[in-house]
Amino acid sequence: MRSMSALTTIPPEWLRLREGADAAARSTELVDLLRPALKGDLLIRDLGCGTGSMGRWLTGRLPNRQRWILHDRDPQLLALAITDNAIAEQRDITSLRASELAGTSLVTASALLDLLTEDEMRELARACVKAGCPALFALSVTGQVEFARPDRLDREFMAAFNEHQRRETDGRRLLGPDAADAAVRAFGFGGFDVHLRPSPWRLGPDDEALAAEWLRGWVSAAREVEPDLPGRPYLERRLTDLRVVVHHTDLLAIPKVVR
């Protein structure tokens, strides 16, 4: 698989800003489905861990004693994520192989799959399947956004943003909003049971800083694809009412034999 090293580094400030919305959105139903499959002391690998928000959310929801291995290519983020029960491993997570997952109880990630290519998704699923390791992936974008107050340009900006998410970068065609479907295919071909649950951000007046930052990034990305879109007037109208639902999907893949 190609390296992900060309991807833009994610600022820790953005990850901190979104952590509360991520925690509120992730599916606890999938954790309930996962829990019976986990036995004994647990070794959990968090792929693209960022500042460690997935670990902070998931640790108390899983049974037994846990040891975490945090994978990320950014040493600054790894330094922020490390905890007493975790070790950090700076690496390209697309190069993981089944042999490296030996003894792993769970592979998990948050807001990662849409940054992979279809080949990388297949290879990641293949590694989990060969190792017999469950996988829990949270917050993959679906491409759907719903504003409380519709605007005539919403669909144009949404379509352009989704094309940006599917962009080619350094020879890699990203999955973007097609990520969950690609993961279902990849794990399904491997014989795993795959479960999906919605995990939307529901942003309102209490989330003004996050909603505004998200909106600016959403508009900017859309205009990279369609520069003629009227970004400034649209943004000014939208900033007056930041009530929005940003849809995501959570996915759990479990070997059939451990259900």
C-alpha atoms as a PDB file:
ATOM      1  CA  MET A   1       0.000   0.000   0.000  1.00  0.00           C
ATOM      2  CA  ARG A   2       1.079   3.575  -0.601  1.00  0.00           C
ATOM      3  CA  SER A   3       2.222   5.688   2.306  1.00  0.00           C
ATOM      4  CA  MET A   4      -0.104   8.189   3.978  1.00  0.00           C
ATOM      5  CA  SER A   5       2.817  10.536   4.646  1.00  0.00           C
ATOM      6  CA  ALA A   6       1.551  13.082   2.108  1.00  0.00           C
ATOM      7  CA  LEU A   7      -1.651  13.720   4.051  1.00  0.00           C
ATOM      8  CA  THR A   8      -1.980  17.053   5.819  1.00  0.00           C
ATOM      9  CA  THR A   9      -1.126  16.928   9.503  1.00  0.00           C
ATOM     10  CA  ILE A  10      -4.229  17.427  11.651  1.00  0.00           C
ATOM     11  CA  PRO A  11      -3.797  20.264  14.179  1.00  0.00           C
ATOM     12  CA  PRO A  12      -4.218  19.164  17.815  1.00  0.00           C
ATOM     13  CA  GLU A  13      -6.408  22.237  18.412  1.00  0.00           C
ATOM     14  CA  TRP A  14      -8.995  20.889  15.964  1.00  0.00           C
ATOM     15  CA  LEU A  15      -8.928  17.460  17.595  1.00  0.00           C
ATOM     16  CA  ARG A  16      -9.486  19.003  21.030  1.00  0.00           C
ATOM     17  CA  LEU A  17     -12.314  21.167  19.714  1.00  0.00           C
ATOM     18  CA  ARG A  18     -14.189  18.197  18.266  1.00  0.00           C
ATOM     19  CA  GLU A  19     -13.598  15.708  21.095  1.00  0.00           C
ATOM     20  CA  GLY A  20     -16.844  16.434  22.932  1.00  0.00           C
ATOM     21  CA  ALA A  21     -18.971  16.130  19.789  1.00  0.00           C
ATOM     22  CA  ASP A  22     -17.146  12.920  18.834  1.00  0.00           C
ATOM     23  CA  ALA A  23     -17.794  11.416  22.254  1.00  0.00           C
ATOM     24  CA  ALA A  24     -21.483  12.293  22.118  1.00  0.00           C
ATOM     25  CA  ALA A  25     -21.835  10.872  18.600  1.00  0.00           C
ATOM     26  CA  ARG A  26     -20.050   7.497  18.845  1.00  0.00           C
ATOM     27  CA  SER A  27     -22.293   4.446  19.028  1.00  0.00           C
ATOM     28  CA  THR A  28     -22.487   2.786  22.439  1.00  0.00           C
ATOM     29  CA  GLU A  29     -24.666   0.076  20.848  1.00  0.00           C
ATOM     30  CA  LEU A  30     -21.676  -1.208  18.917  1.00  0.00           C
ATOM     31  CA  VAL A  31     -19.600  -1.338  22.093  1.00  0.00           C
ATOM     32  CA  ASP A  32     -22.366  -3.436  23.672  1.00  0.00           C
ATOM     33  CA  LEU A  33     -22.180  -5.834  20.708  1.00  0.00           C
ATOM     34  CA  LEU A  34     -18.401  -5.966  20.936  1.00  0.00           C
ATOM     35  CA  ARG A  35     -18.012  -6.530  24.676  1.00  0.00           C
ATOM     36  CA  PRO A  36     -18.935 -10.279  24.750  1.00  0.00           C
ATOM     37  CA  ALA A  37     -16.220 -10.984  22.177  1.00  0.00           C
ATOM     38  CA  LEU A  38     -13.455  -9.651  24.432  1.00  0.00           C
ATOM     39  CA  LYS A  39     -11.939 -12.107  26.908  1.00  0.00           C
ATOM     40  CA  GLY A  40      -9.137 -11.817  29.422  1.00  0.00           C
ATOM     41  CA  ASP A  41      -6.542  -9.054  29.418  1.00  0.00           C
ATOM     42  CA  LEU A  42      -6.972  -6.846  26.364  1.00  0.00           C
ATOM     43  CA  LEU A  43      -4.445  -5.515  23.868  1.00  0.00           C
ATOM     44  CA  ILE A  44      -6.012  -2.706  21.847  1.00  0.00           C
ATOM     45  CA  ARG A  45      -4.461  -0.928  18.868  1.00  0.00           C
ATOM     46  CA  ASP A  46      -5.712   2.598  18.147  1.00  0.00           C
ATOM     47  CA  LEU A  47      -4.896   3.501  14.531  1.00  0.00           C
ATOM     48  CA  GLY A  48      -4.356   7.170  13.747  1.00  0.00           C
ATOM     49  CA  CYS A  49      -4.890   7.888  17.431  1.00  0.00           C
ATOM     50  CA  GLY A  50      -4.448  11.676  17.237  1.00  0.00           C
ATOM     51  CA  THR A  51      -4.560  13.072  20.769  1.00  0.00           C
ATOM     52  CA  GLY A  52      -6.042   9.816  22.120  1.00  0.00           C
ATOM     53  CA  SER A  53      -9.722  10.742  22.248  1.00  0.00           C
ATOM     54  CA  MET A  54     -10.900   7.290  21.174  1.00  0.00           C
ATOM     55  CA  GLY A  55      -8.998   5.714  24.044  1.00  0.00           C
ATOM     56  CA  ARG A  56     -10.410   8.210  26.531  1.00  0.00           C
ATOM     57  CA  TRP A  57     -13.924   7.414  25.325  1.00  0.00           C
ATOM     58  CA  LEU A  58     -13.568   3.635  25.009  1.00  0.00           C
ATOM     59  CA  THR A  59     -11.381   2.573  27.938  1.00  0.00           C
ATOM     60  CA  GLY A  60     -14.118   2.772  30.587  1.00  0.00           C
ATOM     61  CA  ARG A  61     -16.617   1.040  28.321  1.00  0.00           C
ATOM     62  CA  LEU A  62     -14.544  -2.125  27.863  1.00  0.00           C
ATOM     63  CA  PRO A  63     -14.024  -4.948  30.361  1.00  0.00           C
ATOM     64  CA  ASN A  64     -10.904  -6.308  32.006  1.00  0.00           C
ATOM     65  CA  ARG A  65      -7.379  -4.990  32.200  1.00  0.00           C
ATOM     66  CA  GLN A  66      -6.293  -3.133  29.070  1.00  0.00           C
ATOM     67  CA  ARG A  67      -3.064  -2.268  27.336  1.00  0.00           C
ATOM     68  CA  TRP A  68      -3.180   0.140  24.424  1.00  0.00           C
ATOM     69  CA  ILE A  69      -0.785   0.600  21.516  1.00  0.00           C
ATOM     70  CA  LEU A  70      -1.263   4.026  19.944  1.00  0.00           C
ATOM     71  CA  HIS A  71      -0.359   4.342  16.276  1.00  0.00           C
ATOM     72  CA  ASP A  72       0.092   7.662  14.519  1.00  0.00           C
ATOM     73  CA  ARG A  73       2.576   9.178  12.091  1.00  0.00           C
ATOM     74  CA  ASP A  74       2.676  12.508  13.987  1.00  0.00           C
ATOM     75  CA  PRO A  75       5.035  12.503  16.996  1.00  0.00           C
ATOM     76  CA  GLN A  76       3.417  15.671  18.409  1.00  0.00           C
ATOM     77  CA  LEU A  77       0.014  13.978  18.555  1.00  0.00           C
ATOM     78  CA  LEU A  78       1.481  10.788  20.003  1.00  0.00           C
ATOM     79  CA  ALA A  79       3.063  12.791  22.810  1.00  0.00           C
ATOM     80  CA  LEU A  80      -0.349  14.213  23.681  1.00  0.00           C
ATOM     81  CA  ALA A  81      -2.058  10.814  23.513  1.00  0.00           C
ATOM     82  CA  ILE A  82       0.236   8.724  25.698  1.00  0.00           C
ATOM     83  CA  THR A  83      -1.142   7.438  29.026  1.00  0.00           C
ATOM     84  CA  ASP A  84      -0.039   5.095  31.806  1.00  0.00           C
ATOM     85  CA  ASN A  85      -1.600   2.060  30.118  1.00  0.00           C
ATOM     86  CA  ALA A  86      -0.486   2.931  26.588  1.00  0.00           C
ATOM     87  CA  ILE A  87       2.658   2.868  24.495  1.00  0.00           C
ATOM     88  CA  ALA A  88       3.171   4.937  21.363  1.00  0.00           C
ATOM     89  CA  GLU A  89       4.301   3.696  17.979  1.00  0.00           C
ATOM     90  CA  GLN A  90       5.039   6.226  15.255  1.00  0.00           C
ATOM     91  CA  ARG A  91       4.328   4.558  11.925  1.00  0.00           C
ATOM     92  CA  ASP A  92       2.375   4.454   8.688  1.00  0.00           C
ATOM     93  CA  ILE A  93      -0.743   2.578   9.778  1.00  0.00           C
ATOM     94  CA  THR A  94      -1.492   1.425   6.219  1.00  0.00           C
ATOM     95  CA  SER A  95       1.447  -0.989   6.423  1.00  0.00           C
ATOM     96  CA  LEU A  96       0.017  -3.117   9.254  1.00  0.00           C
ATOM     97  CA  ARG A  97       0.073  -6.851   8.549  1.00  0.00           C
ATOM     98  CA  ALA A  98      -1.748  -9.782  10.154  1.00  0.00           C
ATOM     99  CA  SER A  99       1.468 -11.010  11.789  1.00  0.00           C
ATOM    100  CA  GLU A 100       1.755  -7.703  13.664  1.00  0.00           C
ATOM    101  CA  LEU A 101      -1.774  -8.112  14.989  1.00  0.00           C
ATOM    102  CA  ALA A 102      -1.008 -11.416  16.690  1.00  0.00           C
ATOM    103  CA  GLY A 103      -2.353 -11.241  20.247  1.00  0.00           C
ATOM    104  CA  THR A 104      -4.365  -8.089  19.521  1.00  0.00           C
ATOM    105  CA  SER A 105      -7.845  -8.113  21.065  1.00  0.00           C
ATOM    106  CA  LEU A 106      -9.233  -5.146  19.132  1.00  0.00           C
ATOM    107  CA  VAL A 107      -8.269  -2.731  16.377  1.00  0.00           C
ATOM    108  CA  THR A 108      -9.981   0.624  16.643  1.00  0.00           C
ATOM    109  CA  ALA A 109      -9.894   4.054  15.029  1.00  0.00           C
ATOM    110  CA  SER A 110     -11.898   7.259  14.885  1.00  0.00           C
ATOM    111  CA  ALA A 111     -12.402   9.527  11.854  1.00  0.00           C
ATOM    112  CA  LEU A 112      -9.853   7.525   9.879  1.00  0.00           C
ATOM    113  CA  LEU A 113     -11.443   5.337   7.198  1.00  0.00           C
ATOM    114  CA  ASP A 114     -12.396   8.204   4.882  1.00  0.00           C
ATOM    115  CA  LEU A 115      -8.676   9.058   4.624  1.00  0.00           C
ATOM    116  CA  LEU A 116      -7.831   5.610   3.226  1.00  0.00           C
ATOM    117  CA  THR A 117      -7.945   4.343  -0.331  1.00  0.00           C
ATOM    118  CA  GLU A 118     -10.004   1.313  -1.288  1.00  0.00           C
ATOM    119  CA  ASP A 119      -6.841  -0.808  -1.575  1.00  0.00           C
ATOM    120  CA  GLU A 120      -5.698   0.331   1.871  1.00  0.00           C
ATOM    121  CA  MET A 121      -9.120  -0.469   3.299  1.00  0.00           C
ATOM    122  CA  ARG A 122      -8.988  -3.976   1.811  1.00  0.00           C
ATOM    123  CA  GLU A 123      -5.493  -4.557   3.205  1.00  0.00           C
ATOM    124  CA  LEU A 124      -6.472  -3.357   6.668  1.00  0.00           C
ATOM    125  CA  ALA A 125      -9.536  -5.607   6.660  1.00  0.00           C
ATOM    126  CA  ARG A 126      -7.481  -8.531   5.379  1.00  0.00           C
ATOM    127  CA  ALA A 127      -4.985  -8.099   8.222  1.00  0.00           C
ATOM    128  CA  CYS A 128      -7.769  -8.060  10.828  1.00  0.00           C
ATOM    129  CA  VAL A 129      -9.493 -11.065   9.248  1.00  0.00           C
ATOM    130  CA  LYS A 130      -6.302 -13.135   9.085  1.00  0.00           C
ATOM    131  CA  ALA A 131      -5.526 -12.283  12.704  1.00  0.00           C
ATOM    132  CA  GLY A 132      -9.124 -12.978  13.785  1.00  0.00           C
ATOM    133  CA  CYS A 133      -9.191  -9.533  15.378  1.00  0.00           C
ATOM    134  CA  PRO A 134     -12.409  -7.494  15.826  1.00  0.00           C
ATOM    135  CA  ALA A 135     -12.397  -3.921  14.534  1.00  0.00           C
ATOM    136  CA  LEU A 136     -14.347  -0.900  15.752  1.00  0.00           C
ATOM    137  CA  PHE A 137     -14.201   2.164  13.512  1.00  0.00           C
ATOM    138  CA  ALA A 138     -16.015   5.332  14.561  1.00  0.00           C
ATOM    139  CA  LEU A 139     -17.067   8.505  12.777  1.00  0.00           C
ATOM    140  CA  SER A 140     -16.622   7.843   9.080  1.00  0.00           C
ATOM    141  CA  VAL A 141     -18.159  10.696   7.104  1.00  0.00           C
ATOM    142  CA  THR A 142     -21.234   9.876   5.015  1.00  0.00           C
ATOM    143  CA  GLY A 143     -21.315  13.050   2.943  1.00  0.00           C
ATOM    144  CA  GLN A 144     -24.715  14.108   4.287  1.00  0.00           C
ATOM    145  CA  VAL A 145     -25.190  17.421   6.085  1.00  0.00           C
ATOM    146  CA  GLU A 146     -28.508  18.854   7.303  1.00  0.00           C
ATOM    147  CA  PHE A 147     -28.877  22.482   8.290  1.00  0.00           C
ATOM    148  CA  ALA A 148     -31.768  23.611  10.464  1.00  0.00           C
ATOM    149  CA  ARG A 149     -32.423  26.447   8.032  1.00  0.00           C
ATOM    150  CA  PRO A 150     -32.001  25.344   4.386  1.00  0.00           C
ATOM    151  CA  ASP A 151     -30.153  27.482   1.864  1.00  0.00           C
ATOM    152  CA  ARG A 152     -30.428  27.217  -1.918  1.00  0.00           C
ATOM    153  CA  LEU A 153     -26.677  26.530  -2.197  1.00  0.00           C
ATOM    154  CA  ASP A 154     -26.459  23.769   0.418  1.00  0.00           C
ATOM    155  CA  ARG A 155     -26.563  20.943  -2.119  1.00  0.00           C
ATOM    156  CA  GLU A 156     -23.919  22.521  -4.352  1.00  0.00           C
ATOM    157  CA  PHE A 157     -21.517  23.007  -1.457  1.00  0.00           C
ATOM    158  CA  MET A 158     -22.211  19.489  -0.156  1.00  0.00           C
ATOM    159  CA  ALA A 159     -21.563  17.905  -3.564  1.00  0.00           C
ATOM    160  CA  ALA A 160     -18.330  19.846  -4.006  1.00  0.00           C
ATOM    161  CA  PHE A 161     -17.151  18.978  -0.509  1.00  0.00           C
ATOM    162  CA  ASN A 162     -17.804  15.284  -1.125  1.00  0.00           C
ATOM    163  CA  GLU A 163     -15.769  15.411  -4.308  1.00  0.00           C
ATOM    164  CA  HIS A 164     -12.967  17.010  -2.316  1.00  0.00           C
ATOM    165  CA  GLN A 165     -13.170  14.115   0.153  1.00  0.00           C
ATOM    166  CA  ARG A 166     -12.754  11.702  -2.771  1.00  0.00           C
ATOM    167  CA  ARG A 167      -9.772  13.625  -4.138  1.00  0.00           C
ATOM    168  CA  GLU A 168      -6.552  12.127  -5.396  1.00  0.00           C
ATOM    169  CA  THR A 169      -3.494  13.105  -3.378  1.00  0.00           C
ATOM    170  CA  ASP A 170       0.024  11.837  -4.024  1.00  0.00           C
ATOM    171  CA  GLY A 171      -1.395   9.145  -6.288  1.00  0.00           C
ATOM    172  CA  ARG A 172      -3.950   8.013  -3.672  1.00  0.00           C
ATOM    173  CA  ARG A 173      -7.696   8.240  -4.352  1.00  0.00           C
ATOM    174  CA  LEU A 174      -9.338   8.750  -0.962  1.00  0.00           C
ATOM    175  CA  LEU A 175     -12.557   6.968  -0.040  1.00  0.00           C
ATOM    176  CA  GLY A 176     -14.206   9.965   1.612  1.00  0.00           C
ATOM    177  CA  PRO A 177     -17.938   9.344   2.071  1.00  0.00           C
ATOM    178  CA  ASP A 178     -17.619   5.910   0.436  1.00  0.00           C
ATOM    179  CA  ALA A 179     -15.487   4.605   3.302  1.00  0.00           C
ATOM    180  CA  ALA A 180     -18.168   2.770   5.289  1.00  0.00           C
ATOM    181  CA  ASP A 181     -19.427   0.912   2.208  1.00  0.00           C
ATOM    182  CA  ALA A 182     -15.873  -0.060   1.296  1.00  0.00           C
ATOM    183  CA  ALA A 183     -15.283  -1.364   4.825  1.00  0.00           C
ATOM    184  CA  VAL A 184     -18.495  -3.402   4.742  1.00  0.00           C
ATOM    185  CA  ARG A 185     -17.387  -5.032   1.488  1.00  0.00           C
ATOM    186  CA  ALA A 186     -13.855  -5.669   2.692  1.00  0.00           C
ATOM    187  CA  PHE A 187     -14.807  -7.277   6.009  1.00  0.00           C
ATOM    188  CA  GLY A 188     -17.815  -9.050   4.514  1.00  0.00           C
ATOM    189  CA  PHE A 189     -15.628 -10.769   1.925  1.00  0.00           C
ATOM    190  CA  GLY A 190     -13.474 -11.948   4.818  1.00  0.00           C
ATOM    191  CA  GLY A 191     -16.428 -13.593   6.531  1.00  0.00           C
ATOM    192  CA  PHE A 192     -16.773 -11.136   9.404  1.00  0.00           C
ATOM    193  CA  ASP A 193     -20.134  -9.963  10.723  1.00  0.00           C
ATOM    194  CA  VAL A 194     -20.399  -6.230  10.074  1.00  0.00           C
ATOM    195  CA  HIS A 195     -22.672  -3.874  12.018  1.00  0.00           C
ATOM    196  CA  LEU A 196     -23.317  -0.211  11.218  1.00  0.00           C
ATOM    197  CA  ARG A 197     -24.792   2.500  13.393  1.00  0.00           C
ATOM    198  CA  PRO A 198     -25.312   6.226  12.742  1.00  0.00           C
ATOM    199  CA  SER A 199     -23.066   8.569  14.716  1.00  0.00           C
ATOM    200  CA  PRO A 200     -24.065  12.119  13.779  1.00  0.00           C
ATOM    201  CA  TRP A 201     -22.731  15.327  15.188  1.00  0.00           C
ATOM    202  CA  ARG A 202     -25.759  17.346  16.318  1.00  0.00           C
ATOM    203  CA  LEU A 203     -24.400  20.843  16.684  1.00  0.00           C
ATOM    204  CA  GLY A 204     -26.362  23.690  18.203  1.00  0.00           C
ATOM    205  CA  PRO A 205     -25.871  26.901  20.191  1.00  0.00           C
ATOM    206  CA  ASP A 206     -23.636  25.182  22.766  1.00  0.00           C
ATOM    207  CA  ASP A 207     -21.262  24.056  19.984  1.00  0.00           C
ATOM    208  CA  GLU A 208     -20.762  27.419  18.299  1.00  0.00           C
ATOM    209  CA  ALA A 209     -16.943  27.309  18.165  1.00  0.00           C
ATOM    210  CA  LEU A 210     -16.863  23.789  16.706  1.00  0.00           C
ATOM    211  CA  ALA A 211     -19.705  24.449  14.258  1.00  0.00           C
ATOM    212  CA  ALA A 212     -18.085  27.645  12.979  1.00  0.00           C
ATOM    213  CA  GLU A 213     -14.690  25.994  12.534  1.00  0.00           C
ATOM    214  CA  TRP A 214     -16.275  22.989  10.819  1.00  0.00           C
ATOM    215  CA  LEU A 215     -18.312  25.247   8.523  1.00  0.00           C
ATOM    216  CA  ARG A 216     -15.294  27.301   7.448  1.00  0.00           C
ATOM    217  CA  GLY A 217     -13.377  24.128   6.604  1.00  0.00           C
ATOM    218  CA  TRP A 218     -16.387  22.634   4.794  1.00  0.00           C
ATOM    219  CA  VAL A 219     -16.840  25.730   2.629  1.00  0.00           C
ATOM    220  CA  SER A 220     -13.108  26.071   1.947  1.00  0.00           C
ATOM    221  CA  ALA A 221     -12.799  22.435   0.848  1.00  0.00           C
ATOM    222  CA  ALA A 222     -15.843  22.755  -1.418  1.00  0.00           C
ATOM    223  CA  ARG A 223     -14.369  25.828  -3.116  1.00  0.00           C
ATOM    224  CA  GLU A 224     -11.130  23.976  -3.821  1.00  0.00           C
ATOM    225  CA  VAL A 225     -13.234  21.793  -6.127  1.00  0.00           C
ATOM    226  CA  GLU A 226     -15.654  24.489  -7.333  1.00  0.00           C
ATOM    227  CA  PRO A 227     -13.871  27.868  -7.066  1.00  0.00           C
ATOM    228  CA  ASP A 228     -16.859  29.712  -8.546  1.00  0.00           C
ATOM    229  CA  LEU A 229     -19.053  28.893  -5.568  1.00  0.00           C
ATOM    230  CA  PRO A 230     -19.792  32.137  -3.657  1.00  0.00           C
ATOM    231  CA  GLY A 231     -17.961  31.198  -0.472  1.00  0.00           C
ATOM    232  CA  ARG A 232     -18.016  34.478   1.450  1.00  0.00           C
ATOM    233  CA  PRO A 233     -21.735  35.363   1.136  1.00  0.00           C
ATOM    234  CA  TYR A 234     -22.748  31.756   1.767  1.00  0.00           C
ATOM    235  CA  LEU A 235     -20.494  31.563   4.825  1.00  0.00           C
ATOM    236  CA  GLU A 236     -21.834  34.837   6.187  1.00  0.00           C
ATOM    237  CA  ARG A 237     -25.423  33.603   5.877  1.00  0.00           C
ATOM    238  CA  ARG A 238     -24.629  30.243   7.441  1.00  0.00           C
ATOM    239  CA  LEU A 239     -22.719  31.726  10.384  1.00  0.00           C
ATOM    240  CA  THR A 240     -25.912  33.424  11.564  1.00  0.00           C
ATOM    241  CA  ASP A 241     -27.486  30.020  12.327  1.00  0.00           C
ATOM    242  CA  LEU A 242     -25.070  27.210  13.194  1.00  0.00           C
ATOM    243  CA  ARG A 243     -27.589  24.475  13.944  1.00  0.00           C
ATOM    244  CA  VAL A 244     -26.449  21.547  11.815  1.00  0.00           C
ATOM    245  CA  VAL A 245     -26.329  17.748  11.757  1.00  0.00           C
ATOM    246  CA  VAL A 246     -23.151  16.308  10.247  1.00  0.00           C
ATOM    247  CA  HIS A 247     -23.732  12.639   9.550  1.00  0.00           C
ATOM    248  CA  HIS A 248     -21.189   9.874  10.254  1.00  0.00           C
ATOM    249  CA  THR A 249     -21.265   6.092  10.452  1.00  0.00           C
ATOM    250  CA  ASP A 250     -19.712   3.778  13.063  1.00  0.00           C
ATOM    251  CA  LEU A 251     -18.763   0.241  12.062  1.00  0.00           C
ATOM    252  CA  LEU A 252     -18.048  -2.925  14.043  1.00  0.00           C
ATOM    253  CA  ALA A 253     -16.601  -6.019  12.349  1.00  0.00           C
ATOM    254  CA  ILE A 254     -16.460  -9.237  14.385  1.00  0.00           C
ATOM    255  CA  PRO A 255     -15.319 -12.760  13.465  1.00  0.00           C
ATOM    256  CA  LYS A 256     -18.365 -14.990  13.275  1.00  0.00           C
ATOM    257  CA  VAL A 257     -16.743 -17.635  15.474  1.00  0.00           C
ATOM    258  CA  VAL A 258     -16.584 -15.362  18.531  1.00  0.00           C
ATOM    259  CA  ARG A 259     -20.187 -14.114  18.513  1.00  0.00           C
END
